[in-house]
Protein backbone atom coordinates (compact mmCIF):
# COMPACT_ATOMS: atom_id res chain seq x y z
CA MET A 1 2.11 -74.76 27.74
CA ARG A 2 1.12 -73.94 31.06
CA VAL A 3 -1.36 -71.26 31.41
CA VAL A 4 -2.36 -69.29 34.44
CA ILE A 5 -5.82 -67.29 34.06
CA VAL A 6 -6.76 -64.78 36.69
CA GLY A 7 -10.10 -64.13 36.66
CA ALA A 8 -13.08 -66.93 36.10
CA GLY A 9 -15.68 -64.10 34.74
CA GLU A 10 -17.28 -64.73 31.23
CA VAL A 11 -14.04 -63.90 29.64
CA GLY A 12 -11.51 -65.99 31.64
CA SER A 13 -13.81 -68.94 31.68
CA SER A 14 -14.34 -68.66 27.77
CA ILE A 15 -10.52 -68.73 27.36
CA ALA A 16 -10.11 -71.51 29.63
CA ALA A 17 -12.74 -73.65 27.98
CA ASP A 18 -10.91 -73.25 24.76
CA LEU A 19 -7.39 -73.63 25.92
CA SER A 20 -8.08 -76.62 28.45
CA ASP A 21 -7.97 -79.35 25.73
CA ALA A 22 -4.33 -78.73 24.66
CA HIS A 23 -2.65 -77.13 27.59
CA ASP A 24 -2.21 -77.18 31.36
CA VAL A 25 -4.56 -74.66 32.72
CA VAL A 26 -4.64 -72.96 35.93
CA VAL A 27 -7.62 -70.42 37.06
CA ILE A 28 -7.38 -68.13 40.06
CA ASP A 29 -10.41 -66.18 41.26
CA VAL A 30 -11.41 -64.79 44.62
CA ASP A 31 -15.07 -66.14 44.20
CA SER A 32 -14.48 -69.92 45.32
CA GLU A 33 -17.96 -70.71 43.74
CA ARG A 34 -17.12 -69.27 40.38
CA VAL A 35 -14.14 -71.27 40.29
CA GLU A 36 -15.61 -74.59 41.42
CA ALA A 37 -18.54 -74.28 38.91
CA LEU A 38 -16.06 -73.42 36.02
CA THR A 39 -14.24 -76.90 36.94
CA TYR A 40 -17.49 -79.27 36.65
CA ASN A 41 -17.34 -78.14 32.89
CA VAL A 42 -13.63 -77.58 32.23
CA ASP A 43 -10.63 -79.60 33.11
CA VAL A 44 -8.63 -76.79 34.68
CA LEU A 45 -6.86 -76.52 38.05
CA PRO A 46 -8.68 -74.05 40.37
CA VAL A 47 -6.89 -71.85 42.91
CA GLU A 48 -9.01 -69.62 45.07
CA GLY A 49 -7.53 -66.14 45.97
CA ASP A 50 -6.26 -62.75 44.95
CA GLY A 51 -4.39 -62.90 41.57
CA THR A 52 -2.36 -59.94 42.75
CA ASP A 53 -1.16 -61.54 45.91
CA PRO A 54 2.17 -63.17 45.33
CA ALA A 55 1.38 -65.96 47.57
CA VAL A 56 -1.47 -66.96 45.63
CA LEU A 57 0.65 -66.70 42.34
CA GLU A 58 3.02 -69.03 43.97
CA GLU A 59 0.22 -71.51 44.78
CA ALA A 60 -0.65 -71.50 41.27
CA SER A 61 3.34 -72.22 40.23
CA VAL A 62 3.51 -68.97 38.18
CA ASP A 63 7.33 -69.60 38.21
CA ALA A 64 6.65 -72.46 35.88
CA ALA A 65 3.76 -70.87 33.67
CA ASP A 66 4.59 -70.14 29.83
CA MET A 67 1.85 -67.63 29.71
CA VAL A 68 -0.55 -65.41 32.33
CA ILE A 69 -3.54 -64.03 31.31
CA ALA A 70 -4.95 -61.46 33.48
CA SER A 71 -8.85 -61.19 32.37
CA THR A 72 -10.97 -59.77 35.44
CA ASP A 73 -13.23 -56.73 34.99
CA ASP A 74 -10.73 -54.39 36.49
CA ASP A 75 -7.94 -52.96 34.75
CA GLU A 76 -5.86 -52.04 37.54
CA THR A 77 -6.12 -55.41 38.85
CA ASN A 78 -4.84 -56.79 35.69
CA LEU A 79 -2.12 -54.45 35.35
CA ALA A 80 -1.07 -55.52 38.96
CA VAL A 81 -1.32 -59.19 38.24
CA CYS A 82 1.06 -59.10 35.36
CA GLY A 83 3.53 -56.87 37.18
CA THR A 84 3.60 -59.28 40.16
CA ALA A 85 3.81 -62.25 37.86
CA ALA A 86 6.98 -61.04 36.29
CA THR A 87 8.61 -60.54 39.58
CA LEU A 88 7.84 -64.25 40.42
CA GLY A 89 8.97 -65.95 36.87
CA ASP A 90 9.44 -65.15 33.15
CA PRO A 91 5.77 -65.98 31.70
CA PHE A 92 4.38 -64.14 28.54
CA THR A 93 1.73 -61.66 30.00
CA ILE A 94 -1.46 -60.83 28.42
CA ALA A 95 -3.74 -57.90 30.17
CA ARG A 96 -7.35 -57.05 29.33
CA VAL A 97 -8.09 -53.12 29.59
CA GLN A 98 -11.31 -50.96 29.01
CA LYS A 99 -9.35 -47.58 29.32
CA THR A 100 -7.64 -46.85 26.09
CA THR A 101 -5.29 -44.60 27.92
CA TYR A 102 -3.78 -47.72 29.12
CA LEU A 103 -3.59 -49.06 25.61
CA GLN A 104 -1.90 -45.89 24.29
CA THR A 105 0.87 -45.75 27.12
CA TRP A 106 1.88 -49.66 26.36
CA ARG A 107 1.74 -49.26 22.84
CA ARG A 108 4.24 -46.02 23.30
CA ALA A 109 6.55 -48.45 25.09
CA GLN A 110 5.58 -52.18 24.62
CA GLY A 111 6.48 -53.89 27.84
CA ALA A 112 4.83 -51.11 29.96
CA PHE A 113 3.38 -52.54 33.08
CA SER A 114 5.14 -55.63 32.71
CA VAL A 115 2.39 -56.66 29.90
CA ASP A 116 3.63 -58.52 26.71
CA PHE A 117 0.34 -57.94 24.72
CA MET A 118 -2.52 -56.14 25.86
CA VAL A 119 -6.17 -56.25 24.60
CA CYS A 120 -8.64 -53.13 24.95
CA THR A 121 -12.19 -54.40 25.32
CA ASP A 122 -14.03 -51.15 24.13
CA LEU A 123 -11.45 -50.84 21.13
CA LEU A 124 -12.06 -54.40 20.04
CA THR A 125 -15.87 -53.88 20.26
CA ALA A 126 -15.89 -50.82 18.05
CA GLN A 127 -13.63 -52.38 15.57
CA SER A 128 -16.09 -55.53 15.44
CA VAL A 129 -19.02 -53.16 14.99
CA VAL A 130 -17.40 -51.15 12.30
CA ARG A 131 -16.17 -54.10 10.43
CA VAL A 132 -19.82 -55.53 9.59
CA ILE A 133 -21.14 -51.84 8.52
CA GLY A 134 -21.21 -51.97 4.79
CA PHE A 135 -22.00 -55.71 4.56
CA PRO A 136 -25.84 -56.20 4.49
CA THR A 137 -26.64 -59.22 6.74
CA ALA A 138 -23.27 -59.55 7.57
CA THR A 139 -22.72 -61.05 11.36
CA ASP A 140 -19.02 -61.14 11.30
CA VAL A 141 -16.01 -59.97 8.93
CA ASP A 142 -12.18 -60.73 9.34
CA PRO A 143 -9.53 -59.85 7.04
CA PHE A 144 -6.44 -62.54 6.21
CA ALA A 145 -3.41 -62.11 4.22
CA GLY A 146 -2.85 -58.71 4.90
CA GLY A 147 -6.50 -57.52 3.92
CA ARG A 148 -6.23 -59.25 0.38
CA VAL A 149 -8.71 -62.09 1.52
CA GLN A 150 -11.57 -61.74 3.73
CA MET A 151 -13.63 -64.16 5.54
CA ALA A 152 -17.52 -63.09 5.92
CA GLU A 153 -20.68 -64.62 7.55
CA PHE A 154 -23.79 -63.70 6.36
CA GLU A 155 -27.36 -64.84 7.25
CA VAL A 156 -29.88 -65.85 4.34
CA PRO A 157 -33.08 -63.62 4.63
CA GLU A 158 -36.27 -65.29 3.73
CA ASP A 159 -36.57 -62.75 0.73
CA SER A 160 -33.14 -63.44 -0.86
CA PRO A 161 -32.63 -64.34 -4.34
CA ILE A 162 -30.27 -67.12 -3.36
CA ALA A 163 -32.62 -68.60 -0.76
CA GLY A 164 -33.57 -72.00 -1.71
CA GLN A 165 -30.83 -72.22 -4.14
CA THR A 166 -27.99 -74.99 -4.21
CA VAL A 167 -24.31 -74.00 -3.48
CA GLN A 168 -23.64 -75.05 -7.20
CA GLU A 169 -26.18 -72.41 -8.30
CA ALA A 170 -25.24 -69.61 -6.05
CA ASP A 171 -21.61 -70.37 -6.85
CA ARG A 172 -21.16 -67.74 -9.76
CA PHE A 173 -18.52 -65.49 -8.22
CA GLU A 174 -14.80 -65.68 -9.47
CA SER A 175 -13.02 -65.61 -6.42
CA LEU A 176 -15.37 -67.00 -3.60
CA THR A 177 -15.29 -70.27 -2.08
CA PHE A 178 -18.35 -71.42 0.44
CA ALA A 179 -16.53 -72.73 3.45
CA ALA A 180 -19.52 -73.56 5.55
CA VAL A 181 -23.07 -73.33 6.07
CA ILE A 182 -24.55 -73.06 9.64
CA ARG A 183 -28.04 -74.17 10.07
CA ASP A 184 -29.97 -74.97 13.39
CA GLY A 185 -26.69 -74.47 15.54
CA GLU A 186 -24.81 -77.04 13.30
CA THR A 187 -22.06 -76.44 11.24
CA HIS A 188 -21.97 -78.29 7.67
CA VAL A 189 -19.26 -78.21 5.34
CA PRO A 190 -21.08 -77.47 2.01
CA ARG A 191 -21.25 -79.71 -1.13
CA GLY A 192 -22.57 -78.67 -4.63
CA GLU A 193 -25.76 -79.92 -3.60
CA THR A 194 -26.42 -78.18 -0.36
CA VAL A 195 -29.38 -76.05 -0.22
CA LEU A 196 -28.84 -72.35 1.29
CA THR A 197 -32.12 -72.12 3.12
CA ALA A 198 -33.63 -69.00 4.29
CA ASN A 199 -32.29 -68.07 7.88
CA SER A 200 -29.23 -70.05 7.69
CA ARG A 201 -25.75 -68.60 7.77
CA VAL A 202 -23.33 -68.72 5.22
CA LEU A 203 -19.56 -68.62 5.82
CA VAL A 204 -17.61 -67.48 2.68
CA ILE A 205 -13.96 -66.84 1.98
CA GLY A 206 -12.39 -64.64 -0.92
CA THR A 207 -11.45 -61.41 -2.16
CA PRO A 208 -12.80 -58.33 -0.83
CA GLN A 209 -14.46 -57.67 -4.43
CA SER A 210 -16.11 -61.04 -4.34
CA VAL A 211 -17.05 -61.08 -0.96
CA GLU A 212 -18.75 -57.35 -1.53
CA ALA A 213 -20.41 -59.03 -4.78
CA PHE A 214 -21.88 -62.00 -2.79
CA ALA A 215 -23.20 -59.50 -0.09
CA ALA A 216 -24.95 -57.69 -2.84
CA ALA A 217 -26.61 -61.02 -4.18
CA ILE A 218 -27.77 -61.90 -1.07
CA THR A 219 -29.81 -58.34 -0.69
CA PRO A 220 -29.63 -56.75 -3.88
CA GLU A 221 -31.82 -53.92 -2.24
CA ARG A 222 -29.24 -53.23 0.17
CA ALA A 223 -26.08 -53.12 -1.84
CA VAL A 224 -22.48 -53.05 -0.34
CA GLY A 225 -21.36 -49.33 0.12
CA ASN A 226 -24.79 -47.78 0.32
CA ALA A 227 -24.56 -47.38 4.17
CA GLU A 228 -24.42 -43.78 4.25
CA ASP A 229 -26.65 -42.66 6.87
CA VAL A 230 -25.15 -44.36 10.19
CA LEU A 231 -26.80 -43.38 13.67
CA ILE A 232 -24.79 -44.28 16.84
CA VAL A 233 -27.18 -44.22 19.99
CA GLY A 234 -24.98 -43.51 23.09
CA GLY A 235 -22.12 -41.46 23.73
CA SER A 236 -19.95 -43.98 26.11
CA GLN A 237 -16.49 -44.73 25.31
CA GLN A 238 -17.72 -47.51 23.08
CA GLY A 239 -19.65 -44.90 21.03
CA PHE A 240 -17.11 -42.44 20.78
CA LEU A 241 -14.68 -45.21 19.45
CA ILE A 242 -17.20 -46.30 16.95
CA ALA A 243 -17.72 -42.72 15.67
CA LYS A 244 -14.13 -42.20 15.63
CA LEU A 245 -13.60 -45.32 13.68
CA LEU A 246 -16.40 -44.59 11.30
CA GLY A 247 -14.87 -40.82 10.76
CA GLU A 248 -11.47 -42.24 9.85
CA ARG A 249 -13.07 -44.39 7.14
CA GLY A 250 -14.88 -41.51 5.63
CA PHE A 251 -18.43 -41.75 7.23
CA SER A 252 -20.04 -38.64 8.65
CA PRO A 253 -22.31 -40.59 11.47
CA ARG A 254 -24.96 -38.86 13.84
CA LEU A 255 -24.80 -39.76 17.51
CA ILE A 256 -27.23 -39.17 20.08
CA GLU A 257 -26.00 -38.67 23.77
CA ARG A 258 -28.39 -37.83 26.52
CA ASP A 259 -26.04 -35.89 28.89
CA GLU A 260 -25.46 -32.37 27.41
CA ALA A 261 -21.88 -32.23 28.95
CA ARG A 262 -20.91 -35.15 27.38
CA ALA A 263 -22.42 -34.52 23.87
CA ARG A 264 -20.20 -31.21 24.08
CA ASP A 265 -17.22 -33.00 24.86
CA LEU A 266 -18.03 -35.42 21.86
CA ALA A 267 -18.67 -32.55 19.70
CA GLU A 268 -15.39 -31.13 20.09
CA ARG A 269 -13.43 -34.33 19.91
CA LEU A 270 -15.47 -35.73 16.90
CA PRO A 271 -15.49 -33.27 13.78
CA GLU A 272 -16.70 -35.79 11.48
CA THR A 273 -19.78 -36.68 13.62
CA THR A 274 -23.14 -34.45 14.22
CA VAL A 275 -23.81 -34.89 18.00
CA MET A 276 -27.18 -34.42 19.32
CA ALA A 277 -27.94 -33.81 23.18
CA HIS A 278 -31.12 -35.84 23.56
CA ASP A 279 -32.84 -39.13 25.02
CA ALA A 280 -32.44 -41.73 22.37
CA THR A 281 -35.64 -43.34 23.46
CA ASP A 282 -37.92 -40.09 23.01
CA ALA A 283 -39.83 -41.49 19.80
CA GLU A 284 -41.16 -38.04 18.71
CA PHE A 285 -37.43 -36.85 18.84
CA LEU A 286 -36.66 -40.05 16.64
CA GLU A 287 -38.88 -39.27 14.20
CA ARG A 288 -38.03 -35.64 13.73
CA GLU A 289 -34.49 -36.50 12.95
CA HIS A 290 -35.86 -39.17 10.49
CA VAL A 291 -34.03 -42.01 12.30
CA GLY A 292 -36.35 -44.43 10.53
CA GLU A 293 -34.43 -43.47 7.24
CA SER A 294 -31.01 -44.53 8.40
CA ASP A 295 -29.08 -47.03 6.80
CA VAL A 296 -27.58 -48.52 9.94
CA VAL A 297 -28.22 -47.76 13.89
CA ILE A 298 -25.90 -48.91 16.50
CA SER A 299 -27.13 -48.74 19.88
CA CYS A 300 -24.59 -48.72 22.91
CA LEU A 301 -26.33 -47.54 25.98
CA ASP A 302 -25.62 -48.05 29.54
CA SER A 303 -27.90 -50.97 30.11
CA ASP A 304 -28.86 -54.09 28.04
CA GLU A 305 -32.48 -53.07 28.66
CA LYS A 306 -32.08 -49.51 27.28
CA THR A 307 -29.90 -51.00 24.38
CA LEU A 308 -32.70 -53.22 23.19
CA LEU A 309 -35.54 -50.57 23.62
CA ALA A 310 -33.59 -48.07 21.23
CA SER A 311 -32.82 -50.88 18.89
CA LEU A 312 -36.19 -52.26 18.42
CA LEU A 313 -37.40 -48.69 18.31
CA VAL A 314 -35.30 -47.53 15.49
CA LYS A 315 -36.32 -50.61 13.57
CA ARG A 316 -40.02 -50.04 14.18
CA LEU A 317 -39.54 -46.39 12.71
CA GLY A 318 -37.94 -47.82 9.65
CA ALA A 319 -34.22 -48.22 10.12
CA ALA A 320 -32.81 -50.63 7.61
CA ARG A 321 -30.37 -52.48 10.12
CA SER A 322 -29.78 -52.32 13.73
CA VAL A 323 -26.45 -53.35 15.65
CA ALA A 324 -26.50 -53.39 19.26
CA VAL A 325 -23.51 -53.93 21.80
CA VAL A 326 -24.92 -56.15 24.77
CA ASP A 327 -22.98 -56.32 28.09
CA SER A 328 -24.50 -59.62 28.73
CA ALA A 329 -23.48 -62.45 26.59
CA GLU A 330 -26.60 -64.74 27.60
CA TYR A 331 -28.89 -62.00 25.88
CA VAL A 332 -27.01 -62.04 22.50
CA ASP A 333 -29.24 -64.75 20.96
CA LEU A 334 -32.28 -63.02 22.51
CA PHE A 335 -31.48 -59.53 21.05
CA GLU A 336 -31.09 -61.21 17.27
CA THR A 337 -34.21 -63.28 17.95
CA VAL A 338 -36.33 -60.65 18.80
CA GLY A 339 -35.23 -58.49 15.83
CA VAL A 340 -31.90 -56.86 16.17
CA ASP A 341 -29.68 -57.65 13.26
CA VAL A 342 -26.23 -57.98 14.85
CA ALA A 343 -25.75 -58.27 18.52
CA VAL A 344 -21.95 -57.84 19.59
CA ASN A 345 -20.83 -58.85 23.51
CA PRO A 346 -17.65 -57.14 24.31
CA ARG A 347 -16.52 -59.98 26.54
CA GLU A 348 -16.94 -62.44 23.82
CA VAL A 349 -14.91 -60.27 21.54
CA THR A 350 -12.19 -60.01 24.16
CA ALA A 351 -12.01 -63.72 24.77
CA GLU A 352 -12.15 -64.54 20.98
CA GLU A 353 -9.15 -62.03 20.53
CA ILE A 354 -7.27 -63.30 23.73
CA THR A 355 -7.66 -67.04 22.20
CA ARG A 356 -6.85 -65.83 18.59
CA PHE A 357 -3.61 -64.42 19.91
CA THR A 358 -2.71 -67.88 21.87
CA ARG A 359 -3.55 -69.61 18.57
CA GLU A 360 -1.55 -67.22 16.24
CA ARG A 361 1.54 -68.33 18.08
CA ARG A 362 0.84 -71.55 15.73
CA ALA A 363 -0.76 -70.00 12.80
CA GLU A 364 -0.51 -66.86 10.87
CA ASN A 365 -4.02 -65.71 11.72
CA VAL A 366 -7.27 -67.14 13.34
CA ALA A 367 -10.98 -66.19 13.16
CA ILE A 368 -13.35 -67.94 15.65
CA ILE A 369 -16.42 -68.74 13.91
CA GLU A 370 -18.23 -70.31 16.76
CA PRO A 371 -16.31 -70.77 20.11
CA GLY A 372 -15.72 -74.49 20.56
CA THR A 373 -17.14 -75.37 16.92
CA ALA A 374 -14.81 -73.89 13.84
CA GLU A 375 -12.12 -71.73 12.99
CA VAL A 376 -10.92 -70.18 10.08
CA LEU A 377 -6.80 -70.26 10.01
CA GLU A 378 -4.31 -68.74 7.91
CA ILE A 379 -1.04 -70.88 7.57
CA GLU A 380 2.11 -70.46 5.60
CA VAL A 381 3.10 -73.75 3.93
CA ASP A 382 6.46 -75.20 4.39
CA GLY A 383 8.32 -77.96 3.18
CA GLU A 384 6.89 -80.32 5.70
CA SER A 385 3.36 -79.52 4.93
CA VAL A 386 1.14 -82.36 3.55
CA LEU A 387 0.24 -79.81 0.86
CA ALA A 388 3.55 -78.78 -0.49
CA GLY A 389 4.07 -79.44 -4.15
CA ARG A 390 0.87 -81.39 -4.19
CA ALA A 391 -2.40 -80.85 -6.12
CA ILE A 392 -5.07 -79.86 -3.53
CA GLN A 393 -7.36 -83.15 -4.56
CA ASP A 394 -4.37 -85.33 -3.85
CA ALA A 395 -3.43 -83.69 -0.58
CA VAL A 396 -6.96 -83.46 0.89
CA GLN A 397 -6.94 -87.33 0.91
CA ASP A 398 -4.41 -87.20 3.68
CA LEU A 399 -6.49 -84.42 5.56
CA PRO A 400 -9.61 -85.17 7.65
CA ASP A 401 -13.24 -84.20 6.77
CA GLY A 402 -14.07 -81.10 7.92
CA LEU A 403 -11.66 -78.91 6.08
CA VAL A 404 -12.23 -76.32 3.25
CA ILE A 405 -9.30 -74.57 1.51
CA GLY A 406 -10.97 -71.08 0.81
CA ALA A 407 -8.05 -68.97 -0.39
CA ILE A 408 -4.35 -69.38 -1.21
CA THR A 409 -2.05 -66.16 -1.48
CA ARG A 410 0.98 -66.27 -3.24
CA GLY A 411 3.10 -63.16 -3.05
CA GLU A 412 0.76 -60.37 -3.98
CA ALA A 413 -1.60 -62.93 -5.82
CA VAL A 414 -4.66 -64.32 -4.61
CA ILE A 415 -5.57 -67.84 -5.93
CA THR A 416 -9.01 -69.38 -5.81
CA PRO A 417 -8.20 -73.01 -4.86
CA ARG A 418 -9.38 -75.61 -7.15
CA GLY A 419 -8.85 -79.41 -7.36
CA ASP A 420 -5.91 -79.21 -9.70
CA THR A 421 -4.38 -76.35 -7.96
CA VAL A 422 -0.50 -77.34 -6.90
CA VAL A 423 0.19 -75.64 -3.51
CA GLU A 424 3.87 -74.23 -3.41
CA VAL A 425 6.05 -73.72 -0.17
CA GLY A 426 5.74 -70.25 0.86
CA ASP A 427 2.10 -69.83 -0.07
CA HIS A 428 -0.49 -68.68 2.50
CA VAL A 429 -3.45 -70.77 2.64
CA VAL A 430 -6.77 -69.60 4.46
CA VAL A 431 -8.67 -72.67 5.52
CA PHE A 432 -11.71 -73.35 7.43
CA VAL A 433 -11.74 -76.28 9.69
CA ARG A 434 -14.06 -77.64 12.20
CA GLU A 435 -12.83 -77.92 15.99
CA ASP A 436 -12.87 -81.88 15.83
CA ALA A 437 -10.44 -81.53 13.04
CA ARG A 438 -8.21 -78.45 14.04
CA ASP A 439 -5.42 -80.03 15.76
CA THR A 440 -4.70 -82.62 12.82
CA VAL A 441 -4.99 -80.03 10.28
CA GLU A 442 -2.60 -77.43 12.04
CA ALA A 443 0.02 -80.33 12.62
CA LYS A 444 -0.21 -81.56 8.99
CA LEU A 445 -0.49 -78.32 7.48
């Protein structure tokens, strides 16, 4: 597949890196140094210029492209890129936008703006934040098989009852599979004797009930579903969307917004949310509002520095968990190192969603665990699959290492895979696979 990516920023570069191994990728950007820097690390064809200029798109041979991805930081530029590309050829067009109004217009008439698939950064960020609320220590949660199966990633706290246990000792859940253990930056396929050390991350696949039970086992004092007091710091579009999604899920969050006019507007638009107009870095105000008693505090202010300050302040006051929306991807690890429980980067979320969509054209669903490291795939088994009609213990002999079959759905039933489980044509399998085995696994499944 020939893919033209317009924009060599964090989003475009991440997508290019993921797609370049299997596809011919062309990257266009007005910044020649940025494009050149990208070519040092990624096998792409660089083109310098404005992606809305027909001559530049022609130089990138957009007429021969299968897909055009507009991923600059400017909504209008991305829409113009897709519109222009559509006049020069017939590629599948993907646009990244921040304004939800563009997304609403596109949803009313899919194909509007000559865009075939649209991703909204702020909405994806809000959805990502809301997914991890309610799962103590979860850093990522993704649904599969229409929500009947969940993949969740947890950090094992030092005081967790399962810290130091082997997988065999911790494996006491009826419908749960341990898919991976991530330790010191390396991803391991767990065996029965693998020890779940403190501060390692564990990836599990199973029914929502079993995942919730596992979450409660990791931190019994913070059982799932007890996250009742949720506070949002910052009334930006992201803060608004997070509050709106939480309200739709039955939460009654509180929200702090410094600007009084904005706070009044939010109060009118968010009936389930208590909006307070005040500076969220005022420690005395936070103490008066008993912020330290919050189950979860989500910080999404207009600068990473303010977001970090607010996150650390509420943790110091006693808040059980902090989630931060971090604008700069390079700060994500820093935030989590200094005490923020979960840091979410909008550009990473957007890049993963676009990459996920390109991959879904082969798989039913995809969750990217660590870009370039591992993925969880949902694949429908057909008659050509190496799994069809065979017991798993026999079929895996024809598959590479680095694969774990986490769950199987057959109709409405969820089947926990065991060695003697026979996979049938039409089954959906949810598999964890390391990056080095991904292409082989996809081809054989």
